[in-house]
Amino acid sequence: MKAFVLDRYGKKRQLRSATVPVPTLRDDEVLIQVHAAGVNQLDSKIRDGAFKLILPYAMPLILGHDVAGEVVKVGPRVQHFKTGDEVYARLDDFRIGAFAEFVPVKETSLALKPKNVTMVEAASIPLVGLTAWQAMVEKARLEKGQKVFIQAGSGGVGTFAIQLAKHLGATVATTTSSANVALVKSLRADVVVDYKTQDFEEVLSDYDLVLNSQDGKTLEKSLRVLKRGGKLISISGPPDPAFGKDIAASGFMKMVLRLLSSSVRRKAKGRGVDYAFLFMRADGSQLGEITRLIEAGAIRPTVDKVFPLESINEAMAYVDSGRAKGKVIVQIK
């Protein structure tokens, strides 16, 4: 099959076109013919080597975490999917590989594609949708009437998280540039801060939840817009000891993670707020809940640009630029 592979870690290293064998299917997996794949910052970070200590992939590696396509084969232990089903998924760590014609997916990570969206739109959903769900529903247990600050509202996670938070009944604040104010308002953001002309710390106060996706300076400022008892969930780090436990890290790595997050955890404790790092995981049942919201019209996918698979390096460069409004997709079939 045709695929694009990473031969070794390297900042902005180009992926190479290759012909490789179709992956071996495990008993609890289905084989998907890929129609479209989402391109995420996570792919770039893995390519650059940012996660090689906690996610040590063997090379050569096929990147790609988001997939939408058609089931062409099922393993003998698979019970809920059949050949011909249109499906989508966030692929499991160490079983990624959506930048290819075929990819195996564990049954428990898979969901039926929403009937009212295209394959391209479906491929935009899993990673950002599960990130927002696990942050706001699973970890924060966001409730009606609470206030949430979602950073970078015009980005992939932001566009989805705003809509999910509004569905949950929250008041939503976000940051964006003036060029994207109309976009985030169309997603029903209540308070929009133009980060080029305004300081969100001067505008926002007494928030119940912050979803942080930016740098360390923004993280520290975000602590100060929370009320006592509030929660800061970061998807951009630093990782905390709970994450080390989740991934069954070595004793040395757990010590490293404890040190990396010690400053922010100490500052959060001093302000009476809670800090948690989120590295989202594949989850087919949660994706099924997201499917129902999309089919009900509560959330709509936000796709910026679509590239052919042959232009995967251009697609990744566009994601790296930080200019994407919503998601970037590569179309394979």
Protein backbone atom coordinates (compact mmCIF):
# COMPACT_ATOMS: atom_id res chain seq x y z
CA MET A 1 0.00 0.00 0.00
CA LYS A 2 1.01 3.62 -0.43
CA ALA A 3 2.04 5.49 2.71
CA PHE A 4 4.15 8.40 3.90
CA VAL A 5 6.80 7.42 6.43
CA LEU A 6 9.10 9.15 8.89
CA ASP A 7 12.59 7.63 8.77
CA ARG A 8 13.94 9.29 11.92
CA TYR A 9 13.06 12.07 14.33
CA GLY A 10 13.91 15.59 13.23
CA LYS A 11 12.39 19.05 13.49
CA LYS A 12 10.19 19.66 10.44
CA ARG A 13 11.66 16.55 8.79
CA GLN A 14 9.92 15.61 5.54
CA LEU A 15 7.85 12.43 5.34
CA ARG A 16 8.85 10.06 2.53
CA SER A 17 6.50 8.43 0.04
CA ALA A 18 6.83 4.64 0.19
CA THR A 19 5.16 1.38 -0.75
CA VAL A 20 4.77 -0.75 2.37
CA PRO A 21 2.90 -3.96 3.28
CA VAL A 22 -0.67 -3.67 4.52
CA PRO A 23 -0.45 -3.89 8.35
CA THR A 24 -1.14 -7.22 10.03
CA LEU A 25 -4.60 -7.32 11.60
CA ARG A 26 -4.92 -8.39 15.25
CA ASP A 27 -7.90 -10.41 16.44
CA ASP A 28 -9.63 -7.42 18.09
CA GLU A 29 -9.07 -4.98 15.22
CA VAL A 30 -10.73 -3.96 11.96
CA LEU A 31 -8.87 -2.95 8.82
CA ILE A 32 -9.97 0.41 7.45
CA GLN A 33 -9.51 1.66 3.93
CA VAL A 34 -8.63 5.26 4.66
CA HIS A 35 -10.70 7.93 2.94
CA ALA A 36 -9.44 10.91 4.92
CA ALA A 37 -7.05 11.62 7.80
CA GLY A 38 -6.75 14.56 10.14
CA VAL A 39 -3.43 16.36 10.51
CA ASN A 40 -2.67 17.41 14.08
CA GLN A 41 0.02 19.23 16.04
CA LEU A 42 0.54 15.92 17.80
CA ASP A 43 1.83 14.46 14.52
CA SER A 44 4.31 17.32 14.22
CA LYS A 45 5.46 16.94 17.82
CA ILE A 46 6.07 13.22 17.37
CA ARG A 47 7.93 13.90 14.10
CA ASP A 48 10.09 16.51 15.85
CA GLY A 49 10.96 14.09 18.67
CA ALA A 50 9.17 16.04 21.41
CA PHE A 51 7.59 12.89 22.88
CA LYS A 52 10.29 10.31 22.15
CA LEU A 53 10.97 9.70 25.86
CA ILE A 54 7.33 8.90 26.69
CA LEU A 55 6.23 7.57 23.27
CA PRO A 56 9.30 5.78 21.88
CA TYR A 57 8.20 4.78 18.37
CA ALA A 58 10.20 2.41 16.19
CA MET A 59 11.28 3.76 12.81
CA PRO A 60 10.28 3.98 10.03
CA LEU A 61 6.95 5.30 11.31
CA ILE A 62 3.67 6.16 9.59
CA LEU A 63 2.12 9.15 11.35
CA GLY A 64 -1.56 10.09 11.50
CA HIS A 65 -3.93 9.84 14.49
CA ASP A 66 -7.35 10.75 12.99
CA VAL A 67 -9.00 8.48 10.44
CA ALA A 68 -12.31 8.15 8.59
CA GLY A 69 -12.96 5.37 6.14
CA GLU A 70 -14.59 2.05 5.33
CA VAL A 71 -14.17 -1.31 7.06
CA VAL A 72 -12.69 -3.85 4.62
CA LYS A 73 -11.80 -6.68 7.03
CA VAL A 74 -12.60 -7.63 10.64
CA GLY A 75 -10.67 -9.71 13.15
CA PRO A 76 -12.25 -12.89 14.58
CA ARG A 77 -12.99 -11.25 17.99
CA VAL A 78 -14.69 -8.17 16.54
CA GLN A 79 -18.42 -8.13 17.35
CA HIS A 80 -19.85 -4.69 16.57
CA PHE A 81 -18.49 -3.77 13.12
CA LYS A 82 -18.71 -5.42 9.74
CA THR A 83 -17.28 -5.04 6.26
CA GLY A 84 -18.69 -1.96 4.54
CA ASP A 85 -19.31 0.07 7.70
CA GLU A 86 -18.33 3.73 7.47
CA VAL A 87 -16.33 4.50 10.60
CA TYR A 88 -13.95 6.94 12.24
CA ALA A 89 -11.47 6.87 15.10
CA ARG A 90 -8.58 8.40 16.97
CA LEU A 91 -5.96 5.68 16.56
CA ASP A 92 -4.30 4.19 19.64
CA ASP A 93 -0.80 5.23 20.61
CA PHE A 94 1.73 2.84 19.05
CA ARG A 95 -0.92 1.82 16.44
CA ILE A 96 -1.07 5.15 14.61
CA GLY A 97 -0.64 5.28 10.82
CA ALA A 98 -3.50 7.13 9.12
CA PHE A 99 -1.23 8.68 6.45
CA ALA A 100 -1.63 5.53 4.38
CA GLU A 101 -4.19 3.67 2.27
CA PHE A 102 -5.07 1.16 5.01
CA VAL A 103 -4.81 1.18 8.80
CA PRO A 104 -5.85 -1.32 11.54
CA VAL A 105 -7.96 0.01 14.43
CA LYS A 106 -8.90 -1.63 17.72
CA GLU A 107 -12.65 -2.23 17.92
CA THR A 108 -12.92 -0.38 21.25
CA SER A 109 -11.41 2.75 19.69
CA LEU A 110 -13.82 2.83 16.76
CA ALA A 111 -17.24 4.41 16.17
CA LEU A 112 -19.67 4.60 13.29
CA LYS A 113 -19.24 7.80 11.29
CA PRO A 114 -21.97 10.40 11.80
CA LYS A 115 -24.47 9.98 8.96
CA ASN A 116 -24.78 13.72 8.31
CA VAL A 117 -21.10 14.49 7.62
CA THR A 118 -18.64 13.64 4.85
CA MET A 119 -15.56 11.49 5.28
CA VAL A 120 -13.43 14.64 5.24
CA GLU A 121 -15.53 16.21 7.98
CA ALA A 122 -15.52 12.99 10.00
CA ALA A 123 -11.73 12.83 9.89
CA SER A 124 -11.60 16.26 11.52
CA ILE A 125 -13.39 15.14 14.67
CA PRO A 126 -11.83 12.28 16.71
CA LEU A 127 -8.71 13.79 18.30
CA VAL A 128 -10.14 17.25 18.98
CA GLY A 129 -13.55 15.89 19.94
CA LEU A 130 -12.14 13.39 22.42
CA THR A 131 -9.75 16.02 23.80
CA ALA A 132 -12.66 18.38 24.51
CA TRP A 133 -14.85 15.57 25.87
CA GLN A 134 -12.20 14.16 28.20
CA ALA A 135 -11.28 17.63 29.47
CA MET A 136 -14.75 19.05 30.04
CA VAL A 137 -17.03 16.05 30.56
CA GLU A 138 -14.75 13.43 32.06
CA LYS A 139 -12.20 15.47 34.06
CA ALA A 140 -13.90 18.80 34.81
CA ARG A 141 -17.52 17.57 34.83
CA LEU A 142 -18.55 20.94 33.45
CA GLU A 143 -22.08 21.92 34.49
CA LYS A 144 -24.77 24.25 33.21
CA GLY A 145 -24.15 27.83 34.34
CA GLN A 146 -20.40 27.44 34.86
CA LYS A 147 -17.83 29.62 33.12
CA VAL A 148 -15.07 28.14 30.94
CA PHE A 149 -12.14 29.85 29.23
CA ILE A 150 -11.07 27.99 26.07
CA GLN A 151 -7.83 29.30 24.59
CA ALA A 152 -7.21 29.56 20.82
CA GLY A 153 -10.87 29.34 19.90
CA SER A 154 -10.30 29.24 16.14
CA GLY A 155 -7.99 26.21 16.31
CA GLY A 156 -8.94 22.56 15.97
CA VAL A 157 -9.56 21.85 19.64
CA GLY A 158 -10.99 25.32 20.24
CA THR A 159 -13.68 25.19 17.56
CA PHE A 160 -14.94 21.87 18.89
CA ALA A 161 -14.58 22.69 22.60
CA ILE A 162 -16.58 25.93 22.29
CA GLN A 163 -19.52 24.05 20.79
CA LEU A 164 -19.36 21.24 23.36
CA ALA A 165 -19.18 23.70 26.26
CA LYS A 166 -22.21 25.60 24.93
CA HIS A 167 -24.11 22.32 24.56
CA LEU A 168 -23.32 21.61 28.22
CA GLY A 169 -24.79 24.98 29.16
CA ALA A 170 -21.60 26.86 30.05
CA THR A 171 -20.67 30.48 29.45
CA VAL A 172 -17.66 30.43 27.13
CA ALA A 173 -14.78 32.86 26.76
CA THR A 174 -12.05 32.41 24.18
CA THR A 175 -9.06 34.10 22.61
CA THR A 176 -8.47 34.63 18.91
CA SER A 177 -7.21 37.23 16.47
CA SER A 178 -9.49 39.91 15.03
CA ALA A 179 -9.59 37.99 11.74
CA ASN A 180 -11.31 35.05 13.44
CA VAL A 181 -13.75 36.82 15.75
CA ALA A 182 -16.68 36.13 13.42
CA LEU A 183 -15.80 32.41 13.33
CA VAL A 184 -15.75 31.90 17.10
CA LYS A 185 -18.90 33.99 17.53
CA SER A 186 -20.63 31.77 14.96
CA LEU A 187 -19.76 28.86 17.27
CA ARG A 188 -21.57 30.79 20.07
CA ALA A 189 -18.61 31.98 22.15
CA ASP A 190 -19.95 34.50 24.68
CA VAL A 191 -16.77 36.50 25.38
CA VAL A 192 -14.12 36.95 22.69
CA VAL A 193 -10.71 38.38 23.57
CA ASP A 194 -8.51 39.63 20.71
CA TYR A 195 -5.13 38.43 21.94
CA LYS A 196 -3.31 40.94 19.73
CA THR A 197 -4.90 43.97 21.40
CA GLN A 198 -6.18 42.66 24.75
CA ASP A 199 -4.79 40.83 27.76
CA PHE A 200 -7.24 38.09 28.75
CA GLU A 201 -6.12 38.38 32.38
CA GLU A 202 -7.53 41.91 32.46
CA VAL A 203 -10.84 40.86 30.91
CA LEU A 204 -11.66 37.52 32.57
CA SER A 205 -12.14 36.62 36.23
CA ASP A 206 -13.82 34.04 38.47
CA TYR A 207 -13.86 31.24 35.90
CA ASP A 208 -14.63 27.64 36.85
CA LEU A 209 -12.45 26.02 34.18
CA VAL A 210 -9.59 26.91 31.85
CA LEU A 211 -8.67 24.67 28.91
CA ASN A 212 -5.04 25.61 28.30
CA SER A 213 -3.36 24.90 24.96
CA GLN A 214 -0.68 27.57 24.88
CA ASP A 215 2.77 28.26 26.38
CA GLY A 216 4.00 28.43 29.95
CA LYS A 217 3.46 32.17 30.30
CA THR A 218 -0.19 31.80 29.25
CA LEU A 219 -0.55 28.85 31.62
CA GLU A 220 0.59 30.89 34.60
CA LYS A 221 -1.69 33.82 33.69
CA SER A 222 -4.59 31.39 33.34
CA LEU A 223 -4.30 30.39 36.99
CA ARG A 224 -5.17 33.96 37.91
CA VAL A 225 -8.50 34.04 36.05
CA LEU A 226 -9.86 31.04 37.98
CA LYS A 227 -11.94 31.31 41.11
CA ARG A 228 -10.99 29.28 44.18
CA GLY A 229 -11.96 25.68 43.57
CA GLY A 230 -11.58 26.13 39.81
CA LYS A 231 -9.72 23.78 37.50
CA LEU A 232 -7.00 24.31 34.92
CA ILE A 233 -6.64 21.47 32.42
CA SER A 234 -3.68 21.76 30.07
CA ILE A 235 -3.25 19.85 26.82
CA SER A 236 0.13 21.48 26.13
CA GLY A 237 1.92 20.55 29.34
CA PRO A 238 3.70 20.27 31.56
CA PRO A 239 2.83 16.62 32.25
CA ASP A 240 2.02 15.82 35.88
CA PRO A 241 2.54 12.77 38.13
CA ALA A 242 -0.96 11.47 37.35
CA PHE A 243 0.02 11.25 33.68
CA GLY A 244 3.09 9.23 34.62
CA LYS A 245 0.85 6.80 36.48
CA ASP A 246 -1.56 6.57 33.53
CA ILE A 247 1.20 5.57 31.11
CA ALA A 248 2.93 3.28 33.64
CA ALA A 249 6.11 5.35 33.35
CA SER A 250 9.36 4.21 34.92
CA GLY A 251 10.35 5.50 38.34
CA PHE A 252 12.88 7.84 36.74
CA MET A 253 10.32 9.23 34.28
CA LYS A 254 7.78 9.74 37.06
CA MET A 255 10.40 11.78 38.93
CA VAL A 256 11.05 13.86 35.79
CA LEU A 257 7.33 14.53 35.30
CA ARG A 258 6.96 15.49 38.96
CA LEU A 259 9.79 18.02 38.58
CA LEU A 260 8.48 19.40 35.27
CA SER A 261 5.08 20.21 36.78
CA SER A 262 6.16 21.11 40.31
CA SER A 263 6.10 24.89 39.76
CA VAL A 264 2.62 25.08 38.22
CA ARG A 265 1.20 22.61 40.75
CA ARG A 266 2.63 24.65 43.61
CA LYS A 267 1.23 27.91 42.20
CA ALA A 268 -2.16 26.29 41.58
CA LYS A 269 -2.30 24.99 45.14
CA GLY A 270 -1.41 28.44 46.45
CA ARG A 271 -4.41 29.91 44.63
CA GLY A 272 -6.77 27.16 45.72
CA VAL A 273 -7.22 25.74 42.21
CA ASP A 274 -6.56 22.36 40.65
CA TYR A 275 -4.04 21.66 37.86
CA ALA A 276 -4.20 18.61 35.58
CA PHE A 277 -2.45 17.61 32.37
CA LEU A 278 -4.48 15.84 29.67
CA PHE A 279 -2.99 13.58 27.01
CA MET A 280 -6.15 12.35 25.38
CA ARG A 281 -6.69 8.67 24.63
CA ALA A 282 -8.64 6.75 22.02
CA ASP A 283 -12.16 5.81 23.17
CA GLY A 284 -14.82 4.48 20.84
CA SER A 285 -17.68 4.76 23.34
CA GLN A 286 -17.00 8.45 23.94
CA LEU A 287 -16.70 8.97 20.18
CA GLY A 288 -20.13 7.35 19.87
CA GLU A 289 -21.52 10.00 22.25
CA ILE A 290 -19.92 12.68 20.06
CA THR A 291 -21.49 11.06 16.99
CA ARG A 292 -24.94 11.50 18.53
CA LEU A 293 -24.28 15.20 19.21
CA ILE A 294 -23.16 15.76 15.63
CA GLU A 295 -26.14 13.91 14.18
CA ALA A 296 -28.42 16.00 16.41
CA GLY A 297 -26.88 19.21 15.05
CA ALA A 298 -25.42 20.29 18.41
CA ILE A 299 -21.88 20.35 16.99
CA ARG A 300 -20.64 20.86 13.48
CA PRO A 301 -17.15 20.03 12.16
CA THR A 302 -14.87 22.94 11.27
CA VAL A 303 -12.54 22.15 8.37
CA ASP A 304 -10.08 24.73 7.07
CA LYS A 305 -8.09 23.11 4.24
CA VAL A 306 -8.04 19.75 2.49
CA PHE A 307 -4.84 18.44 0.88
CA PRO A 308 -4.24 15.29 -1.19
CA LEU A 309 -2.13 12.66 0.58
CA GLU A 310 0.73 13.46 -1.80
CA SER A 311 0.90 16.92 -0.22
CA ILE A 312 1.14 15.67 3.37
CA ASN A 313 4.33 17.65 4.01
CA GLU A 314 2.62 20.86 2.88
CA ALA A 315 -0.36 20.00 5.09
CA MET A 316 1.89 19.52 8.12
CA ALA A 317 3.71 22.77 7.38
CA TYR A 318 0.35 24.56 7.33
CA VAL A 319 -0.56 23.09 10.72
CA ASP A 320 2.88 24.09 12.03
CA SER A 321 2.24 27.68 10.92
CA GLY A 322 -0.56 28.07 13.48
CA ARG A 323 -2.85 29.73 10.93
CA ALA A 324 -5.40 26.94 10.57
CA LYS A 325 -9.02 27.80 11.35
CA GLY A 326 -10.35 24.46 12.54
CA LYS A 327 -8.87 21.27 11.15
CA VAL A 328 -6.53 20.36 8.28
CA ILE A 329 -7.28 17.12 6.42
CA VAL A 330 -5.55 14.92 3.87
CA GLN A 331 -7.88 13.10 1.48
CA ILE A 332 -6.80 9.68 0.35
CA LYS A 333 -9.80 8.25 -1.50
